[in-house]
Amino acid sequence: MRVEVDAEKCQGHNRCFALAPELFDVDDYGTAIVIGDGTVPPELADKARLAAANCPEFAITVTE
C-alpha cells in the first residue's frame, strides 16, 4: 500500500497529520507531505485509509 498527497489540492487542514503522524508531515507552508517514499507498513494501513477519508479536499490517494 502507498499514499500520496496532491500538493495542488491540499489546503493545509492537516487532518492527515493529526490522524496519522507516522505517515504525514507538514511543510513550511502548511501543506501536507508524505513521510518517506509513501510506502505504508501493514500496521498503519487503517490510519492511511482514515486520513484519506478525512481529507476535505480529497488530496490523499491510497493505492492498495
N, C-alpha and C. Protein backbone atom coordinates (compact mmCIF):
# COMPACT_ATOMS: atom_id res chain seq x y z
N MET A 1 0.85 -1.18 0.00
CA MET A 1 0.00 0.00 0.00
C MET A 1 0.90 1.24 0.00
N ARG A 2 0.41 2.26 -0.72
CA ARG A 2 1.13 3.53 -0.79
C ARG A 2 0.16 4.69 -0.61
N VAL A 3 0.67 5.81 -0.10
CA VAL A 3 -0.11 7.04 -0.01
C VAL A 3 0.60 8.14 -0.76
N GLU A 4 -0.19 9.05 -1.31
CA GLU A 4 0.34 10.23 -1.99
C GLU A 4 -0.51 11.43 -1.61
N VAL A 5 0.10 12.61 -1.61
CA VAL A 5 -0.63 13.85 -1.37
C VAL A 5 -0.48 14.72 -2.61
N ASP A 6 -1.61 15.17 -3.14
CA ASP A 6 -1.61 16.11 -4.26
C ASP A 6 -1.46 17.51 -3.67
N ALA A 7 -0.27 18.07 -3.79
CA ALA A 7 0.02 19.38 -3.18
C ALA A 7 -0.85 20.49 -3.75
N GLU A 8 -1.31 20.34 -4.97
CA GLU A 8 -2.17 21.38 -5.57
C GLU A 8 -3.57 21.37 -4.97
N LYS A 9 -4.02 20.24 -4.48
CA LYS A 9 -5.34 20.15 -3.85
C LYS A 9 -5.30 20.46 -2.36
N CYS A 10 -4.17 20.16 -1.72
CA CYS A 10 -4.07 20.33 -0.27
C CYS A 10 -4.24 21.79 0.12
N GLN A 11 -5.12 22.03 1.10
CA GLN A 11 -5.38 23.38 1.59
C GLN A 11 -4.84 23.60 3.00
N GLY A 12 -4.11 22.62 3.52
CA GLY A 12 -3.47 22.79 4.82
C GLY A 12 -4.35 22.55 6.02
N HIS A 13 -5.40 21.76 5.87
CA HIS A 13 -6.24 21.43 7.03
C HIS A 13 -5.48 20.53 8.00
N ASN A 14 -4.58 19.73 7.46
CA ASN A 14 -3.68 18.85 8.23
C ASN A 14 -4.39 17.81 9.07
N ARG A 15 -5.55 17.40 8.64
CA ARG A 15 -6.23 16.30 9.33
C ARG A 15 -5.43 15.01 9.19
N CYS A 16 -4.79 14.83 8.04
CA CYS A 16 -3.98 13.63 7.82
C CYS A 16 -2.85 13.56 8.84
N PHE A 17 -2.20 14.68 9.07
CA PHE A 17 -1.10 14.73 10.04
C PHE A 17 -1.61 14.46 11.45
N ALA A 18 -2.78 14.98 11.77
CA ALA A 18 -3.36 14.76 13.10
C ALA A 18 -3.74 13.29 13.31
N LEU A 19 -4.22 12.65 12.24
CA LEU A 19 -4.67 11.27 12.35
C LEU A 19 -3.56 10.24 12.16
N ALA A 20 -2.56 10.58 11.37
CA ALA A 20 -1.50 9.61 11.05
C ALA A 20 -0.14 10.30 10.97
N PRO A 21 0.37 10.79 12.10
CA PRO A 21 1.66 11.48 12.07
C PRO A 21 2.83 10.57 11.68
N GLU A 22 2.59 9.26 11.71
CA GLU A 22 3.63 8.33 11.27
C GLU A 22 3.78 8.33 9.75
N LEU A 23 2.75 8.81 9.05
CA LEU A 23 2.73 8.78 7.59
C LEU A 23 2.84 10.15 6.94
N PHE A 24 2.41 11.20 7.65
CA PHE A 24 2.36 12.54 7.08
C PHE A 24 3.10 13.56 7.94
N ASP A 25 3.59 14.58 7.28
CA ASP A 25 4.21 15.71 7.96
C ASP A 25 3.67 16.96 7.29
N VAL A 26 4.09 18.13 7.75
CA VAL A 26 3.64 19.40 7.20
C VAL A 26 4.87 20.22 6.82
N ASP A 27 4.84 20.80 5.62
CA ASP A 27 5.99 21.61 5.21
C ASP A 27 5.89 23.02 5.78
N ASP A 28 6.82 23.87 5.42
CA ASP A 28 6.87 25.23 5.96
C ASP A 28 5.67 26.09 5.58
N TYR A 29 4.91 25.67 4.58
CA TYR A 29 3.75 26.43 4.12
C TYR A 29 2.43 25.85 4.63
N GLY A 30 2.52 24.78 5.45
CA GLY A 30 1.31 24.17 5.98
C GLY A 30 0.72 23.09 5.11
N THR A 31 1.39 22.77 4.02
CA THR A 31 0.91 21.74 3.11
C THR A 31 1.38 20.37 3.60
N ALA A 32 0.48 19.40 3.53
CA ALA A 32 0.83 18.05 3.96
C ALA A 32 1.80 17.41 2.98
N ILE A 33 2.72 16.64 3.53
CA ILE A 33 3.65 15.87 2.71
C ILE A 33 3.73 14.46 3.28
N VAL A 34 4.07 13.53 2.42
CA VAL A 34 4.21 12.14 2.84
C VAL A 34 5.61 11.93 3.39
N ILE A 35 5.70 11.20 4.48
CA ILE A 35 6.99 10.85 5.05
C ILE A 35 7.56 9.68 4.26
N GLY A 36 8.82 9.78 3.90
CA GLY A 36 9.47 8.70 3.17
C GLY A 36 8.99 8.63 1.73
N ASP A 37 8.92 7.40 1.20
CA ASP A 37 8.54 7.22 -0.19
C ASP A 37 7.06 6.93 -0.37
N GLY A 38 6.29 6.99 0.72
CA GLY A 38 4.85 6.78 0.63
C GLY A 38 4.42 5.35 0.90
N THR A 39 5.37 4.46 1.12
CA THR A 39 5.02 3.08 1.43
C THR A 39 4.42 3.01 2.83
N VAL A 40 3.28 2.33 2.92
CA VAL A 40 2.56 2.22 4.20
C VAL A 40 2.79 0.83 4.78
N PRO A 41 3.37 0.75 5.98
CA PRO A 41 3.51 -0.55 6.63
C PRO A 41 2.13 -1.14 6.91
N PRO A 42 2.00 -2.45 6.89
CA PRO A 42 0.68 -3.08 7.11
C PRO A 42 -0.03 -2.63 8.38
N GLU A 43 0.72 -2.37 9.44
CA GLU A 43 0.09 -1.97 10.70
C GLU A 43 -0.47 -0.55 10.67
N LEU A 44 -0.13 0.23 9.64
CA LEU A 44 -0.64 1.60 9.51
C LEU A 44 -1.66 1.75 8.38
N ALA A 45 -2.06 0.64 7.78
CA ALA A 45 -3.00 0.69 6.65
C ALA A 45 -4.32 1.37 7.03
N ASP A 46 -4.86 1.03 8.19
CA ASP A 46 -6.12 1.64 8.62
C ASP A 46 -5.97 3.15 8.82
N LYS A 47 -4.83 3.58 9.35
CA LYS A 47 -4.59 5.02 9.54
C LYS A 47 -4.49 5.73 8.19
N ALA A 48 -3.88 5.10 7.21
CA ALA A 48 -3.77 5.70 5.88
C ALA A 48 -5.15 5.89 5.27
N ARG A 49 -5.99 4.88 5.39
CA ARG A 49 -7.36 4.98 4.85
C ARG A 49 -8.17 6.04 5.60
N LEU A 50 -8.00 6.11 6.92
CA LEU A 50 -8.71 7.09 7.72
C LEU A 50 -8.29 8.51 7.33
N ALA A 51 -7.00 8.72 7.14
CA ALA A 51 -6.51 10.03 6.74
C ALA A 51 -7.09 10.44 5.38
N ALA A 52 -7.11 9.52 4.44
CA ALA A 52 -7.66 9.81 3.11
C ALA A 52 -9.15 10.13 3.20
N ALA A 53 -9.86 9.37 4.00
CA ALA A 53 -11.31 9.58 4.14
C ALA A 53 -11.65 10.90 4.81
N ASN A 54 -10.73 11.42 5.61
CA ASN A 54 -10.99 12.66 6.34
C ASN A 54 -10.42 13.91 5.66
N CYS A 55 -9.81 13.75 4.51
CA CYS A 55 -9.27 14.92 3.79
C CYS A 55 -10.41 15.64 3.08
N PRO A 56 -10.73 16.87 3.49
CA PRO A 56 -11.84 17.58 2.87
C PRO A 56 -11.59 17.96 1.42
N GLU A 57 -10.35 17.97 1.00
CA GLU A 57 -10.01 18.35 -0.38
C GLU A 57 -9.76 17.14 -1.26
N PHE A 58 -9.86 15.93 -0.70
CA PHE A 58 -9.58 14.69 -1.44
C PHE A 58 -8.20 14.71 -2.06
N ALA A 59 -7.24 15.23 -1.31
CA ALA A 59 -5.86 15.38 -1.80
C ALA A 59 -5.01 14.13 -1.56
N ILE A 60 -5.54 13.18 -0.79
CA ILE A 60 -4.77 11.98 -0.46
C ILE A 60 -5.27 10.80 -1.28
N THR A 61 -4.33 10.11 -1.90
CA THR A 61 -4.65 8.91 -2.67
C THR A 61 -3.99 7.72 -1.98
N VAL A 62 -4.78 6.68 -1.76
CA VAL A 62 -4.27 5.43 -1.21
C VAL A 62 -4.34 4.39 -2.31
N THR A 63 -3.22 3.78 -2.61
CA THR A 63 -3.15 2.74 -3.63
C THR A 63 -2.87 1.41 -2.93
N GLU A 64 -3.73 0.46 -3.13
CA GLU A 64 -3.56 -0.85 -2.48
C GLU A 64 -2.49 -1.67 -3.16
